[in-house]
Each structure stands twice: as structure tokens, then as C-alpha cells.
């Protein structure tokens, strides 16, 4: 699979503030990557460095396998790292014509991209009449005018209402389905889990995890169980070798696993002990739960 971006030991200091601490990861073609972390974790700084608007302190990065210099490579990149900045008294079509003039892009692309983001029927409306969500969608259309190989978005749903968030999420999925690689920074776990295929988890400038979203959430998971005697159920499950820990939550016994155990095996084990379940649900940890575990481990070190 073609490598779009390679980052090696990237480091950035602002005086005494160590914003990015020797981070390394790769972006492969055709995936949706999320840089996930709270405010101040180094997400925007990392994006600024690779877009050549922030100077790195040390380390390196290369676009498209290092075959082109940064200036040439960035012509294949579409990015939104600040609030949309268009002329309020001009229509969206007129604003995008200006972008085309600056970048040497044919005007035929304008309607195509406006349709992609659901704004074609409002192309003659002045920018100042747009809602925040519509302004963000117009910014995405602008970033797509040059048919970039990768689209970079910094907090694309920040400040939007639930409907606006869903619209942006659907647009990102659609753009990805057309073959464009996407890199987005977000502090919203739900956004990353629903949109991204891969994730880089940052905390205070350090990488805690990099890999697929499924890989991060593909743990052994846990069972929700209930029987006529939850005290006995808890005691018996604590003795099972595949069980890491057991908790009682209201009327449910929560069984966390350290190795694979399916429902039929669990039922067989309990029936041999004379315990019969009235409730059994197998769940896997969410990205949020995994994120909390990662940061908890970091704090403990």
C-alpha cells in the first residue's frame, strides 16, 4: 500500500513547552486517520509542521515516499486547519472562483465540489447567510477543488450542532469512499470511532497508541451476566482462568476477560457449577474505555 506521509521522531518545543515529543507514524493511502487527544496534546502543532506552517525543532517528515519536495507535495494536499475564511458579501460560487484563480484550477470543479458537500442549491447565496455547518462544508469543498490525494482537517466538527456533526461525518465518509485519504485531528472519541479506520492517540505531545481503530478496541471484552444468585456467580467466575476481574454493577455481574472465552464455553462452565444464567451479553470495550485505560497507564508510569 502506497505511503502518503512518513513522520520520524518529530519534535517541537516552544521555549519551555515541549509540544511534540519525538513522534513517529505513517499514513497509508486510502484510509481515514484520526489524531486523537485532548486540547494541548500536540495535534494542531503536528498538522502545522507537516503543512509547513510551523517550524519543527527536530526530526523529519516526507510526503509521498520522499519523491517530491514539500512545496511540490503540498499541491496534492487539501487542508483546513483554521476557521473558514471567505468574503462574506460574495456567494459561495464566487468565493470558490477566487480559490480556483489562485490555484489555477478550472471553474468546472466548483459545481462538482459544491454538490459533493450538499451546497449546490445554495451556490448563489452570500457566505454571510450560511450557518456554521454550511461554512465548514464550503471550506471542505474549497480544500477539495484540486482533487487532493489527502485531505487534512483540524477539528472539523468543532462548535457544530448534532445535525451539523452528522453532515460533516457523512461527507468525510463519502470522500473516503471515493478514494481520498483523510487525516483529521479531533478531541472527540465518538467522532474518531465512527469515521476513522486508524488512530494516533496523543497525550501531552507523546504517542500512546498508533494503529487501526479495530486493533485498539479488539480486546477480549467483557460479559454482562445475571443469575438467581449473583454472589455465587461472582465467586465462581473469579476462579475461571480466562477472567481478569469481576465486578458487580447494580443487578449485573461484569466479567472482564484476559483471554478468549465464548458464550457456549461460559454456559457450559457455569452449568457444571450448578449456575444457570437469566441474562448474558458479550460486549467489547469502546474506544473511550480504551483511551481511558491508555491514559491511566501513562499516569501510573
Protein backbone atom coordinates (compact mmCIF):
# COMPACT_ATOMS: atom_id res chain seq x y z
CA UNK A 1 0.00 0.00 0.00
CA UNK A 2 1.36 3.41 -1.02
CA UNK A 3 2.68 5.63 1.79
CA UNK A 4 1.27 9.16 1.72
CA UNK A 5 3.14 10.58 4.73
CA UNK A 6 6.01 9.39 6.92
CA UNK A 7 6.84 11.10 10.22
CA UNK A 8 10.09 10.21 12.03
CA UNK A 9 10.95 11.40 15.56
CA UNK A 10 9.19 14.73 15.08
CA UNK A 11 9.85 17.14 17.93
CA UNK A 12 8.67 20.67 18.65
CA UNK A 13 9.48 22.98 21.54
CA UNK A 14 8.07 26.44 22.25
CA UNK A 15 10.59 27.66 24.82
CA UNK A 16 9.99 25.52 27.90
CA UNK A 17 6.86 23.94 26.43
CA UNK A 18 7.55 20.56 24.80
CA UNK A 19 4.54 20.43 22.45
CA UNK A 20 5.50 17.37 20.36
CA UNK A 21 7.84 14.69 21.72
CA UNK A 22 9.65 12.58 19.12
CA UNK A 23 6.55 11.16 17.46
CA UNK A 24 6.64 8.73 14.54
CA UNK A 25 3.86 7.26 12.39
CA UNK A 26 2.85 6.61 8.78
CA UNK A 27 -0.22 7.48 6.72
CA UNK A 28 -1.11 4.87 4.10
CA UNK A 29 -3.22 5.60 1.01
CA UNK A 30 -6.96 5.02 1.16
CA UNK A 31 -7.50 5.14 4.92
CA UNK A 32 -9.11 7.61 7.31
CA UNK A 33 -6.71 8.54 10.12
CA UNK A 34 -7.62 10.29 13.32
CA UNK A 35 -5.14 12.11 15.56
CA UNK A 36 -6.95 11.83 18.86
CA UNK A 37 -6.14 13.71 22.04
CA UNK A 38 -7.35 16.40 24.43
CA UNK A 39 -6.68 20.09 23.81
CA UNK A 40 -2.97 20.76 24.21
CA UNK A 41 -1.91 17.24 23.23
CA UNK A 42 0.04 18.39 20.15
CA UNK A 43 -2.49 17.60 17.40
CA UNK A 44 -2.63 21.02 15.74
CA UNK A 45 1.13 21.54 16.12
CA UNK A 46 1.78 18.25 14.32
CA UNK A 47 -0.55 19.24 11.47
CA UNK A 48 1.07 22.68 11.26
CA UNK A 49 4.53 21.13 10.91
CA UNK A 50 3.61 18.72 8.12
CA UNK A 51 1.80 21.56 6.29
CA UNK A 52 4.94 23.69 6.52
CA UNK A 53 3.35 26.49 8.56
CA UNK A 54 5.09 25.58 11.85
CA UNK A 55 8.84 25.00 12.08
CA UNK A 56 9.91 21.72 13.65
CA UNK A 57 12.60 21.62 16.32
CA UNK A 58 13.98 18.26 15.16
CA UNK A 59 13.01 15.06 13.39
CA UNK A 60 11.74 14.69 9.84
CA UNK A 61 8.71 14.04 7.67
CA UNK A 62 8.31 13.20 4.00
CA UNK A 63 5.37 13.22 1.61
CA UNK A 64 4.66 10.51 -0.98
CA UNK A 65 7.72 8.41 -0.23
CA UNK A 66 10.07 11.38 -0.32
CA UNK A 67 9.97 11.60 -4.14
CA UNK A 68 8.97 15.28 -4.08
CA UNK A 69 9.99 18.32 -2.04
CA UNK A 70 7.49 19.68 0.45
CA UNK A 71 6.37 22.59 -1.75
CA UNK A 72 5.54 20.31 -4.69
CA UNK A 73 3.98 17.65 -2.47
CA UNK A 74 1.64 20.11 -0.77
CA UNK A 75 -0.01 20.80 -4.15
CA UNK A 76 -1.51 17.31 -3.76
CA UNK A 77 -2.79 18.10 -0.26
CA UNK A 78 -6.07 19.74 0.73
CA UNK A 79 -6.23 21.17 4.24
CA UNK A 80 -8.43 23.10 6.66
CA UNK A 81 -6.56 23.98 9.85
CA UNK A 82 -8.30 27.25 10.73
CA UNK A 83 -11.80 28.67 10.64
CA UNK A 84 -13.20 29.11 7.11
CA UNK A 85 -12.10 32.50 5.75
CA UNK A 86 -14.26 33.65 2.85
CA UNK A 87 -15.62 37.02 1.72
CA UNK A 88 -18.99 37.42 3.50
CA UNK A 89 -20.59 39.62 0.79
CA UNK A 90 -19.80 37.12 -2.01
CA UNK A 91 -21.63 33.91 -2.86
CA UNK A 92 -20.07 30.52 -2.29
CA UNK A 93 -19.60 30.14 -6.05
CA UNK A 94 -17.81 33.48 -6.28
CA UNK A 95 -15.60 32.62 -3.31
CA UNK A 96 -14.61 29.30 -4.87
CA UNK A 97 -13.88 31.06 -8.20
CA UNK A 98 -11.28 33.13 -6.36
CA UNK A 99 -9.71 29.95 -4.96
CA UNK A 100 -9.63 28.50 -8.47
CA UNK A 101 -7.93 31.64 -9.79
CA UNK A 102 -5.27 31.49 -7.09
CA UNK A 103 -4.56 27.77 -7.54
CA UNK A 104 -5.00 27.59 -11.31
CA UNK A 105 -7.98 25.22 -11.12
CA UNK A 106 -10.71 25.11 -13.81
CA UNK A 107 -14.10 26.53 -12.79
CA UNK A 108 -15.80 23.25 -13.77
CA UNK A 109 -14.64 21.82 -10.44
CA UNK A 110 -16.78 24.27 -8.43
CA UNK A 111 -20.22 22.76 -9.01
CA UNK A 112 -18.79 19.25 -8.63
CA UNK A 113 -17.41 20.00 -5.17
CA UNK A 114 -20.43 22.03 -4.06
CA UNK A 115 -22.63 19.07 -4.93
CA UNK A 116 -20.30 16.76 -3.01
CA UNK A 117 -20.79 18.77 0.19
CA UNK A 118 -24.51 19.38 -0.36
CA UNK A 119 -24.34 23.10 -1.16
CA UNK A 120 -25.04 23.21 -4.89
CA UNK A 121 -28.56 24.57 -4.35
CA UNK A 122 -27.09 27.41 -2.23
CA UNK A 123 -24.20 28.30 -4.53
CA UNK A 124 -25.58 31.80 -5.22
CA UNK A 125 -26.27 32.60 -1.54
CA UNK A 126 -23.92 35.02 0.16
CA UNK A 127 -21.44 33.46 2.55
CA UNK A 128 -22.69 35.61 5.43
CA UNK A 129 -26.09 33.87 5.23
CA UNK A 130 -24.56 30.44 5.84
CA UNK A 131 -24.82 28.57 9.12
CA UNK A 132 -21.61 27.44 10.82
CA UNK A 133 -22.07 23.93 9.45
CA UNK A 134 -22.56 25.24 5.91
CA UNK A 135 -19.44 27.39 6.23
CA UNK A 136 -17.46 24.32 7.27
CA UNK A 137 -18.84 22.33 4.32
CA UNK A 138 -17.86 25.15 1.95
CA UNK A 139 -14.33 25.06 3.40
CA UNK A 140 -14.19 21.32 2.66
CA UNK A 141 -15.36 21.99 -0.91
CA UNK A 142 -12.60 24.58 -1.27
CA UNK A 143 -9.97 22.14 0.01
CA UNK A 144 -11.16 19.53 -2.50
CA UNK A 145 -11.02 21.77 -5.61
CA UNK A 146 -7.57 20.49 -6.60
CA UNK A 147 -8.62 16.83 -6.17
CA UNK A 148 -6.04 16.25 -3.42
CA UNK A 149 -4.66 12.82 -2.63
CA UNK A 150 -5.07 13.56 1.06
CA UNK A 151 -7.50 15.85 2.90
CA UNK A 152 -6.39 17.20 6.30
CA UNK A 153 -8.99 18.51 8.75
CA UNK A 154 -8.34 20.04 12.17
CA UNK A 155 -11.33 19.60 14.50
CA UNK A 156 -13.82 19.54 11.57
CA UNK A 157 -16.96 19.39 13.76
CA UNK A 158 -15.89 21.89 16.43
CA UNK A 159 -18.80 24.07 17.53
CA UNK A 160 -21.39 22.32 15.35
CA UNK A 161 -24.80 21.13 16.49
CA UNK A 162 -25.67 17.39 16.24
CA UNK A 163 -27.13 17.78 12.75
CA UNK A 164 -24.04 19.63 11.53
CA UNK A 165 -21.77 16.99 13.06
CA UNK A 166 -23.66 14.22 11.28
CA UNK A 167 -23.49 16.08 7.95
CA UNK A 168 -19.71 16.55 8.22
CA UNK A 169 -19.30 12.91 9.28
CA UNK A 170 -21.30 11.69 6.28
CA UNK A 171 -19.29 13.92 3.92
CA UNK A 172 -15.99 12.58 5.30
CA UNK A 173 -17.17 9.00 4.80
CA UNK A 174 -18.27 9.77 1.25
CA UNK A 175 -14.98 11.48 0.36
CA UNK A 176 -13.10 8.47 1.75
CA UNK A 177 -15.26 6.09 -0.30
CA UNK A 178 -14.12 7.95 -3.45
CA UNK A 179 -10.50 7.03 -2.62
CA UNK A 180 -9.21 10.18 -0.91
CA UNK A 181 -7.01 9.59 2.12
CA UNK A 182 -8.12 11.63 5.13
CA UNK A 183 -6.26 12.82 8.22
CA UNK A 184 -8.32 14.55 10.87
CA UNK A 185 -7.46 15.83 14.32
CA UNK A 186 -10.11 15.62 17.00
CA UNK A 187 -10.61 15.52 20.75
CA UNK A 188 -13.95 13.72 20.24
CA UNK A 189 -13.65 9.96 20.74
CA UNK A 190 -17.07 9.32 19.24
CA UNK A 191 -16.12 11.16 16.04
CA UNK A 192 -12.93 9.15 15.59
CA UNK A 193 -14.60 5.83 16.36
CA UNK A 194 -17.42 6.41 13.86
CA UNK A 195 -15.34 7.82 10.99
CA UNK A 196 -11.72 6.64 11.19
CA UNK A 197 -10.08 3.36 10.22
CA UNK A 198 -6.82 4.21 12.01
CA UNK A 199 -5.95 6.31 15.03
CA UNK A 200 -2.92 8.02 16.57
CA UNK A 201 -3.56 8.74 20.26
CA UNK A 202 -1.61 11.73 21.60
CA UNK A 203 -1.30 12.96 25.15
CA UNK A 204 0.95 15.88 26.13
CA UNK A 205 2.86 15.54 22.86
CA UNK A 206 3.52 11.81 23.18
CA UNK A 207 2.05 8.90 21.22
CA UNK A 208 0.19 6.43 23.43
CA UNK A 209 -1.10 4.27 20.56
CA UNK A 210 -0.91 4.10 16.78
CA UNK A 211 -2.71 1.54 14.65
CA UNK A 212 -6.17 0.55 13.49
CA UNK A 213 -9.27 1.59 15.43
CA UNK A 214 -10.37 -2.05 15.42
CA UNK A 215 -6.96 -3.06 16.77
CA UNK A 216 -7.37 -0.64 19.64
CA UNK A 217 -10.86 -1.86 20.53
CA UNK A 218 -10.29 -5.55 19.65
CA UNK A 219 -9.62 -6.64 23.18
CA UNK A 220 -11.10 -9.70 24.85
CA UNK A 221 -14.01 -7.60 26.05
CA UNK A 222 -16.38 -8.47 28.86
CA UNK A 223 -19.61 -10.27 29.73
CA UNK A 224 -22.68 -8.89 31.46
CA UNK A 225 -24.18 -11.75 33.48
CA UNK A 226 -27.10 -12.27 35.84
CA UNK A 227 -28.42 -15.27 37.77
CA UNK A 228 -30.61 -16.03 40.77
CA UNK A 229 -27.52 -15.91 42.97
CA UNK A 230 -25.11 -13.21 41.80
CA UNK A 231 -22.88 -13.63 44.84
CA UNK A 232 -22.20 -17.27 43.93
CA UNK A 233 -21.90 -16.30 40.24
CA UNK A 234 -19.22 -13.73 41.04
CA UNK A 235 -17.29 -16.22 43.19
CA UNK A 236 -17.34 -18.94 40.52
CA UNK A 237 -16.37 -16.58 37.69
CA UNK A 238 -13.43 -15.23 39.70
CA UNK A 239 -11.97 -18.75 39.62
CA UNK A 240 -12.06 -19.07 35.79
CA UNK A 241 -8.57 -18.83 34.18
CA UNK A 242 -9.83 -16.60 31.32
CA UNK A 243 -11.17 -14.00 33.74
CA UNK A 244 -9.15 -10.93 34.69
CA UNK A 245 -11.57 -9.40 37.19
CA UNK A 246 -15.22 -9.48 38.24
CA UNK A 247 -17.37 -6.57 39.37
CA UNK A 248 -21.00 -6.26 40.45
CA UNK A 249 -22.81 -3.33 38.87
CA UNK A 250 -26.39 -2.93 40.14
CA UNK A 251 -28.01 -6.30 39.31
CA UNK A 252 -25.37 -7.35 36.76
CA UNK A 253 -22.11 -9.23 37.25
CA UNK A 254 -19.47 -7.72 34.92
CA UNK A 255 -16.79 -10.23 33.92
CA UNK A 256 -13.62 -8.85 32.27
CA UNK A 257 -11.51 -11.30 30.28
CA UNK A 258 -7.78 -11.72 29.79
CA UNK A 259 -8.14 -14.41 27.08
CA UNK A 260 -10.76 -15.70 24.67
CA UNK A 261 -13.97 -17.16 26.10
CA UNK A 262 -17.16 -17.57 24.10
CA UNK A 263 -20.72 -17.78 25.34
CA UNK A 264 -21.19 -21.52 24.95
CA UNK A 265 -17.98 -22.25 26.86
CA UNK A 266 -19.08 -19.91 29.61
CA UNK A 267 -22.53 -21.50 29.85
CA UNK A 268 -21.03 -24.98 30.00
CA UNK A 269 -18.64 -23.95 32.76
CA UNK A 270 -21.40 -22.39 34.85
CA UNK A 271 -23.87 -25.26 34.38
CA UNK A 272 -21.21 -27.67 35.64
CA UNK A 273 -21.10 -25.50 38.77
CA UNK A 274 -24.90 -25.58 39.07
CA UNK A 275 -25.38 -21.97 37.98
CA UNK A 276 -27.88 -21.02 35.27
CA UNK A 277 -27.99 -17.55 33.75
CA UNK A 278 -31.04 -15.36 33.28
CA UNK A 279 -29.01 -12.78 31.36
CA UNK A 280 -25.81 -12.90 29.29
CA UNK A 281 -24.45 -10.23 26.90
CA UNK A 282 -20.94 -10.17 25.39
CA UNK A 283 -19.50 -6.68 24.87
CA UNK A 284 -16.20 -5.20 23.76
CA UNK A 285 -14.59 -2.12 25.19
CA UNK A 286 -15.32 1.12 23.35
CA UNK A 287 -12.63 3.47 22.06
CA UNK A 288 -13.45 5.72 25.01
CA UNK A 289 -12.79 2.93 27.51
CA UNK A 290 -9.55 2.02 25.77
CA UNK A 291 -8.48 5.68 25.73
CA UNK A 292 -9.14 5.97 29.47
CA UNK A 293 -7.11 2.80 30.10
CA UNK A 294 -4.21 4.12 27.98
CA UNK A 295 -4.07 7.45 29.79
CA UNK A 296 -4.44 5.74 33.17
CA UNK A 297 -1.44 3.53 32.38
CA UNK A 298 0.53 6.61 31.30
CA UNK A 299 -0.31 8.41 34.52
CA UNK A 300 0.77 5.37 36.54
CA UNK A 301 4.23 5.28 34.89
